[in-house]
Amino acid sequence: MKLKHLVWFRRLCQAFFLFLFVYLLVSTKLPQDVYLDYSPSFEQVQEIQIKGPVTFFFELDPLVWLSSMLSARQWIEGFGWAIALILATLVLGRFFCAFICPFGTIHHMCGAIRPAQKGRDRITANQPDSRRRIKYFLLIVFLTAAAVGVNYTGLMDPIAFLFRSLVTSIFPAIGIGLRDFFEALAFSDIKIFNYLAYGLEGLAAPVFGYEDKAFHTGWVIGILFLLILFLNRIRPRFWCRFLCPLGALLGIFSRFSLVRLEKDEKKCTGCGACTRVCQGAAAPAPGRNWQKPECLMCFNCAAVCPEDALNFRFKPVFQPAAKPDISRRVLLGGLLAGISLPLFGRLDGKISKTYAPALIRPPGSLAEPEFLDRCQRCGLCMKACPTNVIVPAFSEAGLAGFWTPVLNMNLGYCEYTCTLCTGVCPTGAIQKLSAREKLQTPVKIGSAYIDRGRCLPWNGNSPCIVCEEHCPVSPKAIYFKKDVIVRPKSEQTPHNRARPEMEIKPEMEIEMEMEEINVQLPFVDLSRCIGCGICQNKCPVNGKPAIRVISAGESRSLENQILL
């Protein structure tokens, strides 16, 4: 195969895997032909599963596998593709970055759109840069932190970073914009615009969602994503060259690859075409020392060379190439930062000392220390959740749990028979549960309590039975006690209001006429409550619901319990 044909084959692979990534992302949701069953019978409950290998790209990621294995200190199953990728890298080099990585493809496209450097400036910009050490520094930091006990890798892993950005920021933002646009067309007086709005909405809704979704810190994630894309104007594939820890890991393995770049200095005319199109700034020009760990195997250099001075060949020479550009300062600094981050992350005591009431994890989550060992903060569980209750944590879990999944019952609730989040976690931070196991055990994620000062029956404002109506467990965890409450009548007037000519003095008392109302006062049976949060989500008291869920009583912790 000619190298020009190989470049076109690479482009086809990039388009295919980017489309596959987006398709699997969109597929990570409740199937449209399935409805959630509220049957109290464990034998008849419907098992709901997401069809398709939605975790494929995470299982292909060796950095996710290695960091999870280091932090959990045990073998992590399901990462056969990642092991295969490492073996393939030992033969082919960093081909993953050029042929497969969807985030790399997006950077490749962004770097090709009106680049800031052109001509000779592009050649200068594509020279080896000492800033590429940053990605090796980050790799050392994340692997060291994982070995110490907290897995921060998902913050910068390209697959997790891209998935989290699209799920919690980019797609929801596009969905909001499209719905506003379709609504404007629907309210237009022109009929063709009305039909167009309904048709386009039917096409866009399965991809961007049928309703607006909210995610804490989603705007921060979105701005960070756009900023990293903008950096491609400074240097092509800025992320891949300087920031990607997965690229650094694959670069270390690619030292031993069998693919070699042959350079014919006699044919070279020094035109600089190879350097100008090099995606990794790997110094492909003849007369330069080829930086094999930095080469993305895009084959652009050999394809554009007008003199055929460059060629890639297999050479089974078992002599590794030059070491990656890792200085002693990078190594020591990475080790120090990797040790410090987990230790500083535990200073707030939210892992071992205190239990934050708002730190409610998805059903099936491991105990907090083990959960932080495995969680990649990827957003798969957030995308799979049909009610938008799972959001990235900000301060609920402290520094160690930043952007890990937590449940916000004001935004949604945990569906009684739903276990979608448990089936998509690639590392087992959320253990897989069947609907029958979730209900029959039962799995508790927290406990509800009633704020009597805000509860309508308790404060005497009006009768209300909403929380009990929505409680899904059987027998219900919310029950009532009938009582009579005495309260002032809604319309009170001074006893002398009939004589307007008489001046009302401050010391004159206003007689309050009282009335009795029959109410049903709600109580929570903690032995039955599973903390699903539907009572909090449906509570008619706006602002701060009168019934709220806290993490105490969760099944995953024997210590975070309510002592009765």
Protein backbone atom coordinates (compact mmCIF):
# COMPACT_ATOMS: atom_id res chain seq x y z
CA MET A 1 0.00 0.00 0.00
CA LYS A 2 1.38 3.40 -0.99
CA LEU A 3 1.84 5.89 1.81
CA LYS A 4 -0.65 8.32 0.27
CA HIS A 5 -3.24 5.56 0.28
CA LEU A 6 -2.29 4.78 3.87
CA VAL A 7 -2.98 8.39 4.83
CA TRP A 8 -6.46 8.13 3.32
CA PHE A 9 -6.98 4.86 5.15
CA ARG A 10 -6.01 6.63 8.39
CA ARG A 11 -8.55 9.35 7.72
CA LEU A 12 -11.26 6.78 7.13
CA CYS A 13 -10.31 5.05 10.40
CA GLN A 14 -10.43 8.38 12.24
CA ALA A 15 -13.89 9.17 10.86
CA PHE A 16 -15.16 5.67 11.67
CA PHE A 17 -13.95 5.62 15.28
CA LEU A 18 -15.14 9.18 15.94
CA PHE A 19 -18.59 8.25 14.62
CA LEU A 20 -18.50 5.05 16.69
CA PHE A 21 -17.61 7.02 19.82
CA VAL A 22 -20.51 9.45 19.34
CA TYR A 23 -22.87 6.60 18.48
CA LEU A 24 -21.98 4.68 21.65
CA LEU A 25 -22.31 7.89 23.67
CA VAL A 26 -25.80 8.52 22.31
CA SER A 27 -26.70 4.85 22.88
CA THR A 28 -25.87 5.11 26.59
CA LYS A 29 -29.44 5.77 27.70
CA LEU A 30 -32.71 4.08 28.58
CA PRO A 31 -33.93 2.18 25.50
CA GLN A 32 -36.93 3.90 23.92
CA ASP A 33 -38.96 0.69 23.76
CA VAL A 34 -38.63 0.08 27.52
CA TYR A 35 -40.68 1.54 30.34
CA LEU A 36 -39.74 1.41 34.00
CA ASP A 37 -41.79 -1.14 35.94
CA TYR A 38 -43.04 -0.35 39.45
CA SER A 39 -44.30 -3.85 40.16
CA PRO A 40 -43.63 -4.77 43.80
CA SER A 41 -43.15 -8.41 42.79
CA PHE A 42 -39.45 -9.22 42.65
CA GLU A 43 -40.06 -12.15 40.32
CA GLN A 44 -41.93 -10.03 37.77
CA VAL A 45 -39.66 -6.97 37.77
CA GLN A 46 -38.32 -6.06 34.35
CA GLU A 47 -34.56 -6.21 33.78
CA ILE A 48 -33.35 -3.21 31.79
CA GLN A 49 -30.01 -3.25 30.00
CA ILE A 50 -28.31 -0.99 27.50
CA LYS A 51 -27.69 -2.76 24.24
CA GLY A 52 -24.29 -2.36 22.64
CA PRO A 53 -20.69 -2.16 23.89
CA VAL A 54 -20.98 1.37 25.28
CA THR A 55 -17.83 0.90 27.39
CA PHE A 56 -15.66 -0.17 24.43
CA PHE A 57 -13.40 2.91 24.31
CA PHE A 58 -12.80 2.79 28.06
CA GLU A 59 -11.93 -0.90 27.89
CA LEU A 60 -9.53 -0.03 25.06
CA ASP A 61 -7.77 2.58 27.20
CA PRO A 62 -4.65 1.11 28.90
CA LEU A 63 -4.28 4.16 31.17
CA VAL A 64 -7.75 3.58 32.65
CA TRP A 65 -6.90 -0.07 33.22
CA LEU A 66 -3.44 0.53 34.68
CA SER A 67 -4.47 3.35 37.04
CA SER A 68 -7.52 1.41 38.28
CA MET A 69 -5.42 -1.66 38.89
CA LEU A 70 -2.79 0.33 40.81
CA SER A 71 -5.32 2.13 43.00
CA ALA A 72 -7.50 -0.92 43.65
CA ARG A 73 -4.42 -3.15 44.12
CA GLN A 74 -6.09 -6.00 42.33
CA TRP A 75 -6.63 -7.26 38.80
CA ILE A 76 -9.37 -5.35 36.96
CA GLU A 77 -11.31 -7.56 34.57
CA GLY A 78 -12.81 -6.57 31.24
CA PHE A 79 -9.77 -4.77 29.79
CA GLY A 80 -8.62 -7.31 27.24
CA TRP A 81 -8.75 -4.66 24.51
CA ALA A 82 -6.40 -2.43 26.53
CA ILE A 83 -3.86 -5.22 26.88
CA ALA A 84 -4.15 -5.91 23.15
CA LEU A 85 -3.52 -2.21 22.45
CA ILE A 86 -0.34 -2.27 24.50
CA LEU A 87 0.89 -5.30 22.55
CA ALA A 88 0.01 -3.63 19.26
CA THR A 89 1.87 -0.48 20.35
CA LEU A 90 4.98 -2.58 20.91
CA VAL A 91 4.77 -3.49 17.23
CA LEU A 92 3.26 -0.44 15.48
CA GLY A 93 4.06 2.49 17.78
CA ARG A 94 1.53 5.17 18.75
CA PHE A 95 -0.92 4.27 15.99
CA PHE A 96 -3.82 4.62 18.46
CA CYS A 97 -3.30 8.39 18.58
CA ALA A 98 -3.53 8.76 14.80
CA PHE A 99 -5.97 6.04 13.78
CA ILE A 100 -8.38 5.43 16.70
CA CYS A 101 -8.44 8.11 19.41
CA PRO A 102 -11.62 10.22 18.90
CA PHE A 103 -10.23 13.10 20.94
CA GLY A 104 -7.09 13.08 18.80
CA THR A 105 -9.26 13.20 15.67
CA ILE A 106 -11.10 16.26 16.96
CA HIS A 107 -7.78 18.00 17.67
CA HIS A 108 -6.54 17.00 14.22
CA MET A 109 -9.57 18.65 12.62
CA CYS A 110 -9.34 21.77 14.80
CA GLY A 111 -5.65 22.15 13.99
CA ALA A 112 -6.44 22.08 10.27
CA ILE A 113 -9.00 24.91 10.48
CA ARG A 114 -7.19 28.20 9.78
CA PRO A 115 -4.02 27.39 11.74
CA ALA A 116 -2.22 30.34 13.31
CA GLN A 117 1.11 29.30 11.74
CA LYS A 118 1.56 28.88 8.02
CA GLY A 119 4.48 28.26 5.72
CA ARG A 120 7.86 28.59 7.37
CA ASP A 121 6.20 29.52 10.67
CA ARG A 122 4.50 26.11 10.65
CA ILE A 123 7.92 24.47 10.26
CA THR A 124 9.24 26.44 13.22
CA ALA A 125 6.17 25.56 15.30
CA ASN A 126 6.64 21.86 14.59
CA GLN A 127 10.08 21.61 16.09
CA PRO A 128 10.62 19.45 19.21
CA ASP A 129 9.51 21.40 22.29
CA SER A 130 10.52 20.91 25.91
CA ARG A 131 6.89 21.42 26.94
CA ARG A 132 6.16 17.87 25.83
CA ARG A 133 7.56 16.85 29.21
CA ILE A 134 4.30 18.07 30.74
CA LYS A 135 2.41 14.96 29.61
CA TYR A 136 5.04 12.69 31.19
CA PHE A 137 4.79 14.76 34.36
CA LEU A 138 1.02 14.28 34.39
CA LEU A 139 1.39 10.56 33.74
CA ILE A 140 3.73 10.19 36.71
CA VAL A 141 1.40 12.27 38.90
CA PHE A 142 -1.69 10.19 38.10
CA LEU A 143 -0.01 6.79 38.36
CA THR A 144 1.67 7.75 41.64
CA ALA A 145 -1.59 9.12 43.06
CA ALA A 146 -3.34 5.91 42.02
CA ALA A 147 -0.68 3.85 43.77
CA VAL A 148 -1.08 5.98 46.92
CA GLY A 149 -4.84 5.47 46.93
CA VAL A 150 -6.88 8.04 44.97
CA ASN A 151 -7.51 7.72 41.23
CA TYR A 152 -7.38 11.15 39.56
CA THR A 153 -6.58 9.77 36.10
CA GLY A 154 -10.05 10.42 34.68
CA LEU A 155 -9.55 14.17 35.03
CA MET A 156 -7.10 14.16 32.09
CA ASP A 157 -7.48 10.79 30.39
CA PRO A 158 -8.54 11.67 26.81
CA ILE A 159 -11.41 9.17 26.57
CA ALA A 160 -12.85 10.14 29.98
CA PHE A 161 -12.23 13.86 29.32
CA LEU A 162 -14.02 13.78 25.96
CA PHE A 163 -16.96 11.68 27.17
CA ARG A 164 -17.47 13.81 30.29
CA SER A 165 -17.26 17.06 28.30
CA LEU A 166 -19.79 15.95 25.70
CA VAL A 167 -22.22 14.44 28.24
CA THR A 168 -22.24 17.14 30.91
CA SER A 169 -21.66 20.24 28.79
CA ILE A 170 -21.48 20.22 24.99
CA PHE A 171 -24.48 18.04 24.11
CA PRO A 172 -26.78 19.54 26.81
CA ALA A 173 -25.82 23.06 25.69
CA ILE A 174 -26.50 22.23 22.04
CA GLY A 175 -29.79 20.63 23.08
CA ILE A 176 -30.90 23.77 24.91
CA GLY A 177 -30.01 25.94 21.92
CA LEU A 178 -31.82 23.67 19.46
CA ARG A 179 -34.96 23.48 21.59
CA ASP A 180 -35.10 27.27 21.82
CA PHE A 181 -34.68 27.47 18.05
CA PHE A 182 -37.35 24.84 17.39
CA GLU A 183 -39.71 26.57 19.81
CA ALA A 184 -39.26 29.85 17.96
CA LEU A 185 -40.08 28.11 14.67
CA ALA A 186 -43.07 26.34 16.19
CA PHE A 187 -44.59 29.62 17.36
CA SER A 188 -44.10 31.19 13.95
CA ASP A 189 -47.15 32.12 11.87
CA ILE A 190 -45.62 30.42 8.83
CA LYS A 191 -46.83 26.84 8.57
CA ILE A 192 -43.77 25.49 6.81
CA PHE A 193 -41.68 26.66 9.75
CA ASN A 194 -44.01 24.84 12.13
CA TYR A 195 -43.64 21.57 10.23
CA LEU A 196 -39.90 22.09 9.95
CA ALA A 197 -39.61 22.59 13.73
CA TYR A 198 -41.50 19.39 14.52
CA GLY A 199 -39.48 17.37 12.03
CA LEU A 200 -36.09 18.68 13.13
CA GLU A 201 -36.97 18.21 16.78
CA GLY A 202 -37.82 14.58 16.11
CA LEU A 203 -34.36 14.10 14.57
CA ALA A 204 -32.39 16.00 17.20
CA ALA A 205 -34.13 14.80 20.36
CA PRO A 206 -32.75 11.21 20.33
CA VAL A 207 -29.21 12.63 20.14
CA PHE A 208 -29.35 15.67 22.42
CA GLY A 209 -32.17 14.60 24.73
CA TYR A 210 -35.87 15.25 24.96
CA GLU A 211 -35.62 17.79 27.76
CA ASP A 212 -33.14 20.23 29.26
CA LYS A 213 -30.57 18.62 31.52
CA ALA A 214 -28.61 20.24 34.31
CA PHE A 215 -25.14 19.33 35.57
CA HIS A 216 -23.16 21.02 38.34
CA THR A 217 -19.97 22.68 37.02
CA GLY A 218 -21.07 21.81 33.48
CA TRP A 219 -20.14 25.30 32.36
CA VAL A 220 -16.63 24.86 33.78
CA ILE A 221 -16.23 21.55 31.94
CA GLY A 222 -17.46 23.16 28.71
CA ILE A 223 -15.15 26.17 28.93
CA LEU A 224 -12.18 23.90 29.66
CA PHE A 225 -13.06 21.73 26.65
CA LEU A 226 -13.31 24.71 24.29
CA LEU A 227 -10.10 26.21 25.67
CA ILE A 228 -8.18 23.01 24.96
CA LEU A 229 -9.56 22.95 21.41
CA PHE A 230 -8.50 26.57 20.95
CA LEU A 231 -4.92 25.67 21.90
CA ASN A 232 -4.63 23.93 18.53
CA ARG A 233 -4.18 27.39 17.01
CA ILE A 234 -1.01 27.78 19.05
CA ARG A 235 0.36 24.35 18.17
CA PRO A 236 -1.29 21.61 16.07
CA ARG A 237 -2.61 18.83 18.33
CA PHE A 238 -1.52 20.78 21.41
CA TRP A 239 -3.24 18.28 23.72
CA CYS A 240 -1.57 15.26 22.11
CA ARG A 241 1.88 16.83 22.19
CA PHE A 242 1.96 18.42 25.62
CA LEU A 243 -0.93 17.30 27.86
CA CYS A 244 -2.16 13.78 27.06
CA PRO A 245 -1.09 11.26 29.75
CA LEU A 246 -2.32 8.35 27.64
CA GLY A 247 -0.11 9.55 24.80
CA ALA A 248 2.82 9.63 27.22
CA LEU A 249 2.13 6.05 28.30
CA LEU A 250 1.87 4.83 24.71
CA GLY A 251 5.02 6.79 23.84
CA ILE A 252 6.96 4.85 26.46
CA PHE A 253 5.82 1.53 24.96
CA SER A 254 6.42 2.73 21.39
CA ARG A 255 10.16 2.90 22.03
CA PHE A 256 10.24 -0.83 21.43
CA SER A 257 8.07 -0.85 18.30
CA LEU A 258 9.26 -2.56 15.13
CA VAL A 259 8.25 0.27 12.80
CA ARG A 260 11.20 2.46 11.82
CA LEU A 261 11.45 5.67 9.83
CA GLU A 262 14.12 5.40 7.15
CA LYS A 263 15.68 8.68 6.00
CA ASP A 264 17.65 9.17 2.80
CA GLU A 265 19.70 12.32 3.35
CA LYS A 266 21.01 12.24 -0.22
CA LYS A 267 17.51 12.72 -1.65
CA CYS A 268 16.45 15.40 0.86
CA THR A 269 16.37 18.96 -0.51
CA GLY A 270 15.55 20.59 2.83
CA CYS A 271 12.12 21.82 1.73
CA GLY A 272 10.67 21.26 5.22
CA ALA A 273 7.42 19.73 3.91
CA CYS A 274 7.71 16.74 6.27
CA THR A 275 8.22 18.93 9.33
CA ARG A 276 5.35 21.21 8.36
CA VAL A 277 2.78 18.39 8.32
CA CYS A 278 4.14 16.36 11.26
CA GLN A 279 1.36 16.00 13.85
CA GLY A 280 3.63 15.12 16.76
CA ALA A 281 6.67 17.35 16.15
CA ALA A 282 8.76 14.18 16.02
CA ALA A 283 11.60 15.64 13.86
CA PRO A 284 11.04 13.48 10.74
CA ALA A 285 13.39 15.47 8.50
CA PRO A 286 16.58 13.72 7.34
CA GLY A 287 19.57 14.74 9.37
CA ARG A 288 17.48 15.06 12.52
CA ASN A 289 17.14 12.52 15.34
CA TRP A 290 13.67 11.01 14.91
CA GLN A 291 11.68 11.27 18.16
CA LYS A 292 10.00 7.89 18.07
CA PRO A 293 7.99 8.26 21.36
CA GLU A 294 6.50 11.49 19.96
CA CYS A 295 5.59 10.12 16.53
CA LEU A 296 1.84 9.61 16.15
CA MET A 297 2.23 7.31 13.13
CA CYS A 298 0.13 9.61 10.94
CA PHE A 299 2.46 8.98 7.93
CA ASN A 300 1.99 12.56 6.73
CA CYS A 301 5.73 13.19 6.50
CA ALA A 302 6.48 10.34 4.11
CA ALA A 303 3.32 10.97 2.06
CA VAL A 304 4.14 14.63 1.30
CA CYS A 305 7.87 14.23 0.71
CA PRO A 306 8.40 15.17 -2.98
CA GLU A 307 11.72 13.34 -3.17
CA ASP A 308 10.66 10.06 -1.48
CA ALA A 309 13.37 10.57 1.09
CA LEU A 310 11.26 9.13 3.90
CA ASN A 311 9.77 5.70 4.31
CA PHE A 312 8.33 3.58 7.14
CA ARG A 313 9.44 -0.03 7.33
CA PHE A 314 9.30 -2.97 9.71
CA LYS A 315 12.69 -3.74 11.13
CA PRO A 316 12.84 -6.45 13.81
CA VAL A 317 15.77 -4.78 15.58
CA PHE A 318 15.42 -5.36 19.30
CA GLN A 319 17.12 -2.16 20.31
CA PRO A 320 14.82 0.47 21.83
CA ALA A 321 14.80 3.99 20.48
CA ALA A 322 15.89 7.01 22.47
CA LYS A 323 14.19 7.42 25.83
CA PRO A 324 11.25 9.80 26.17
CA ASP A 325 12.12 13.34 27.16
CA ILE A 326 11.73 12.86 30.93
CA SER A 327 14.14 14.90 32.99
CA ARG A 328 15.02 14.24 36.61
CA ARG A 329 13.00 17.29 37.65
CA VAL A 330 9.93 15.97 35.83
CA LEU A 331 10.30 12.58 37.50
CA LEU A 332 10.84 13.91 41.03
CA GLY A 333 8.20 16.63 40.65
CA GLY A 334 5.66 14.11 39.37
CA LEU A 335 6.35 11.72 42.23
CA LEU A 336 6.05 14.51 44.80
CA ALA A 337 2.79 15.83 43.32
CA GLY A 338 1.39 12.32 42.94
CA ILE A 339 2.02 11.56 46.60
CA SER A 340 0.79 14.95 47.83
CA LEU A 341 -2.54 15.09 45.99
CA PRO A 342 -4.14 12.03 47.64
CA LEU A 343 -2.83 13.05 51.05
CA PHE A 344 -4.13 16.61 50.72
CA GLY A 345 -7.39 15.23 49.35
CA ARG A 346 -8.00 13.40 52.61
CA LEU A 347 -7.44 16.42 54.87
CA ASP A 348 -11.12 17.43 54.69
CA GLY A 349 -12.01 14.13 56.39
CA LYS A 350 -14.76 13.25 53.93
CA ILE A 351 -13.22 9.85 53.26
CA SER A 352 -12.55 8.64 56.79
CA LYS A 353 -13.75 11.07 59.46
CA THR A 354 -17.06 12.64 58.52
CA TYR A 355 -19.90 11.66 56.22
CA ALA A 356 -21.21 14.52 54.11
CA PRO A 357 -25.04 14.44 54.06
CA ALA A 358 -25.09 15.43 50.38
CA LEU A 359 -22.61 12.73 49.32
CA ILE A 360 -25.13 10.24 47.92
CA ARG A 361 -23.56 7.75 45.53
CA PRO A 362 -25.36 5.71 42.84
CA PRO A 363 -26.79 2.33 43.91
CA GLY A 364 -24.19 -0.41 43.89
CA SER A 365 -21.29 1.97 44.64
CA LEU A 366 -18.38 0.60 46.60
CA ALA A 367 -17.45 2.02 50.00
CA GLU A 368 -15.99 5.51 49.63
CA PRO A 369 -12.24 4.65 49.76
CA GLU A 370 -12.68 1.78 47.28
CA PHE A 371 -14.99 3.89 45.13
CA LEU A 372 -12.34 6.62 44.78
CA ASP A 373 -9.77 3.93 43.94
CA ARG A 374 -11.70 2.90 40.85
CA CYS A 375 -13.89 5.79 39.68
CA GLN A 376 -12.58 7.42 36.48
CA ARG A 377 -15.01 10.40 36.60
CA CYS A 378 -15.92 9.52 33.02
CA GLY A 379 -19.64 10.40 33.10
CA LEU A 380 -20.97 7.08 31.77
CA CYS A 381 -23.33 6.68 34.74
CA MET A 382 -24.48 10.29 34.33
CA LYS A 383 -25.33 9.70 30.67
CA ALA A 384 -27.13 6.42 31.39
CA CYS A 385 -29.31 7.86 34.17
CA PRO A 386 -32.82 8.48 32.76
CA THR A 387 -33.81 11.08 35.37
CA ASN A 388 -30.70 13.34 35.40
CA VAL A 389 -30.16 12.70 39.13
CA ILE A 390 -26.47 11.74 38.77
CA VAL A 391 -24.23 14.79 38.41
CA PRO A 392 -20.49 15.51 38.82
CA ALA A 393 -19.54 16.37 42.39
CA PHE A 394 -18.09 19.77 43.20
CA SER A 395 -17.53 20.04 46.96
CA GLU A 396 -19.74 17.21 48.23
CA ALA A 397 -16.90 14.67 48.12
CA GLY A 398 -13.98 17.01 48.78
CA LEU A 399 -10.84 17.28 46.66
CA ALA A 400 -10.45 13.51 46.37
CA GLY A 401 -13.93 13.13 44.87
CA PHE A 402 -13.99 16.11 42.52
CA TRP A 403 -16.20 15.36 39.47
CA THR A 404 -17.09 11.90 40.74
CA PRO A 405 -20.80 10.99 40.43
CA VAL A 406 -23.23 12.06 43.16
CA LEU A 407 -27.03 12.19 43.28
CA ASN A 408 -28.84 15.52 43.45
CA MET A 409 -32.46 14.79 44.33
CA ASN A 410 -33.57 18.31 43.43
CA LEU A 411 -32.72 17.55 39.79
CA GLY A 412 -34.06 13.99 39.63
CA TYR A 413 -34.46 10.79 41.62
CA CYS A 414 -33.26 7.21 41.53
CA GLU A 415 -35.85 5.15 39.66
CA TYR A 416 -37.03 2.25 41.80
CA THR A 417 -36.32 -0.54 39.29
CA CYS A 418 -33.58 1.16 37.26
CA THR A 419 -30.03 -0.24 37.33
CA LEU A 420 -28.61 1.30 34.16
CA CYS A 421 -25.79 3.11 35.96
CA THR A 422 -24.59 -0.14 37.48
CA GLY A 423 -24.22 -1.78 34.07
CA VAL A 424 -22.06 0.86 32.38
CA CYS A 425 -19.29 1.50 34.93
CA PRO A 426 -16.11 0.30 33.17
CA THR A 427 -13.97 -0.18 36.30
CA GLY A 428 -16.45 -1.62 38.81
CA ALA A 429 -16.62 1.46 41.04
CA ILE A 430 -20.36 0.89 40.71
CA GLN A 431 -20.97 -2.83 40.94
CA LYS A 432 -23.37 -4.38 38.47
CA LEU A 433 -26.81 -5.05 39.97
CA SER A 434 -29.93 -6.62 38.62
CA ALA A 435 -33.25 -4.95 39.37
CA ARG A 436 -34.21 -7.92 41.51
CA GLU A 437 -31.01 -7.63 43.59
CA LYS A 438 -31.54 -3.90 44.02
CA LEU A 439 -35.09 -4.31 45.31
CA GLN A 440 -34.85 -7.54 47.25
CA THR A 441 -31.68 -6.73 49.22
CA PRO A 442 -32.70 -3.81 49.31
CA VAL A 443 -29.91 -1.46 48.24
CA LYS A 444 -30.14 1.78 50.21
CA ILE A 445 -28.40 4.93 49.03
CA GLY A 446 -29.59 7.16 51.87
CA SER A 447 -32.47 8.07 54.16
CA ALA A 448 -35.24 10.64 53.98
CA TYR A 449 -36.14 13.01 56.79
CA ILE A 450 -38.90 15.59 57.19
CA ASP A 451 -38.22 19.26 57.88
CA ARG A 452 -41.32 19.96 59.97
CA GLY A 453 -40.83 23.71 59.78
CA ARG A 454 -41.34 23.58 56.01
CA CYS A 455 -43.74 20.63 55.71
CA LEU A 456 -47.23 21.92 54.89
CA PRO A 457 -49.20 19.62 57.23
CA TRP A 458 -46.72 20.00 60.08
CA ASN A 459 -46.60 23.79 59.98
CA GLY A 460 -50.35 23.99 59.66
CA ASN A 461 -50.57 25.67 56.27
CA SER A 462 -52.47 23.02 54.30
CA PRO A 463 -52.99 19.28 53.92
CA CYS A 464 -50.49 17.44 51.67
CA ILE A 465 -49.85 13.75 50.90
CA VAL A 466 -47.53 14.07 47.84
CA CYS A 467 -44.50 12.35 49.39
CA GLU A 468 -46.49 9.30 50.45
CA GLU A 469 -48.20 9.04 47.06
CA HIS A 470 -44.88 8.86 45.21
CA CYS A 471 -43.03 6.56 47.62
CA PRO A 472 -42.34 3.43 45.52
CA VAL A 473 -41.49 0.86 48.19
CA SER A 474 -44.06 -1.62 49.44
CA PRO A 475 -45.06 -1.29 52.24
CA LYS A 476 -44.47 2.45 51.90
CA ALA A 477 -41.68 4.08 53.87
CA ILE A 478 -43.83 7.18 54.46
CA TYR A 479 -46.94 6.81 56.58
CA PHE A 480 -49.43 9.20 58.22
CA LYS A 481 -50.91 9.89 61.60
CA LYS A 482 -54.18 11.77 61.67
CA ASP A 483 -54.27 14.86 63.84
CA VAL A 484 -56.03 18.18 64.29
CA ILE A 485 -54.09 21.41 64.01
CA VAL A 486 -55.33 24.72 65.36
CA ARG A 487 -54.27 27.72 63.31
CA PRO A 488 -55.34 31.33 62.77
CA LYS A 489 -57.91 31.90 60.10
CA SER A 490 -56.46 33.00 56.81
CA GLU A 491 -58.28 36.40 56.93
CA GLN A 492 -57.88 38.24 60.24
CA THR A 493 -59.31 41.68 61.04
CA PRO A 494 -59.13 43.83 64.18
CA HIS A 495 -62.23 43.57 66.33
CA ASN A 496 -62.82 47.28 65.84
CA ARG A 497 -62.35 47.29 62.02
CA ALA A 498 -66.08 48.13 61.69
CA ARG A 499 -65.47 51.61 63.10
CA PRO A 500 -62.99 53.22 60.70
CA GLU A 501 -63.31 56.61 62.33
CA MET A 502 -61.81 55.18 65.54
CA GLU A 503 -58.03 55.43 65.70
CA ILE A 504 -56.30 52.10 66.32
CA LYS A 505 -53.66 52.50 68.94
CA PRO A 506 -50.53 50.33 69.02
CA GLU A 507 -51.36 48.92 72.41
CA MET A 508 -54.75 47.68 71.27
CA GLU A 509 -54.80 43.91 70.89
CA ILE A 510 -56.02 42.21 67.73
CA GLU A 511 -58.17 39.27 68.50
CA MET A 512 -57.19 36.23 66.44
CA GLU A 513 -59.93 33.92 65.38
CA MET A 514 -58.69 30.34 65.31
CA GLU A 515 -59.82 27.37 63.25
CA GLU A 516 -59.22 23.64 63.37
CA ILE A 517 -58.16 21.61 60.35
CA ASN A 518 -57.80 17.88 59.97
CA VAL A 519 -54.41 16.86 58.62
CA GLN A 520 -52.38 13.74 58.07
CA LEU A 521 -48.90 14.24 59.50
CA PRO A 522 -46.19 12.36 57.54
CA PHE A 523 -43.52 10.22 59.18
CA VAL A 524 -40.61 8.27 57.65
CA ASP A 525 -40.01 4.62 58.48
CA LEU A 526 -36.22 4.43 58.20
CA SER A 527 -36.26 0.63 58.09
CA ARG A 528 -38.12 0.78 54.77
CA CYS A 529 -36.71 3.94 53.19
CA ILE A 530 -34.12 3.30 50.46
CA GLY A 531 -33.24 6.96 49.84
CA CYS A 532 -34.45 7.03 46.23
CA GLY A 533 -35.29 10.74 46.57
CA ILE A 534 -38.55 10.78 44.63
CA CYS A 535 -40.26 12.29 47.69
CA GLN A 536 -37.77 15.17 47.70
CA ASN A 537 -38.00 15.65 43.96
CA LYS A 538 -41.82 15.76 43.93
CA CYS A 539 -42.29 17.80 47.12
CA PRO A 540 -44.50 20.83 46.28
CA VAL A 541 -42.52 23.12 48.60
CA ASN A 542 -40.29 25.09 46.24
CA GLY A 543 -36.82 26.34 47.04
CA LYS A 544 -35.86 23.88 49.72
CA PRO A 545 -38.07 20.78 49.80
CA ALA A 546 -39.74 19.87 53.08
CA ILE A 547 -38.52 16.27 52.82
CA ARG A 548 -34.89 15.65 51.93
CA VAL A 549 -32.53 12.70 51.55
CA ILE A 550 -29.14 12.40 53.23
CA SER A 551 -26.47 9.75 52.78
CA ALA A 552 -26.84 8.30 56.29
CA GLY A 553 -28.18 4.77 56.22
CA GLU A 554 -26.54 3.81 52.93
CA SER A 555 -25.90 0.12 52.35
CA ARG A 556 -22.32 0.56 51.16
CA SER A 557 -21.07 1.77 54.55
CA LEU A 558 -21.47 0.04 57.90
CA GLU A 559 -20.38 3.21 59.67
CA ASN A 560 -22.50 5.87 57.98
CA GLN A 561 -25.71 4.76 59.66
CA ILE A 562 -28.47 6.44 61.65
CA LEU A 563 -28.29 5.13 65.20
CA LEU A 564 -31.79 4.40 66.44
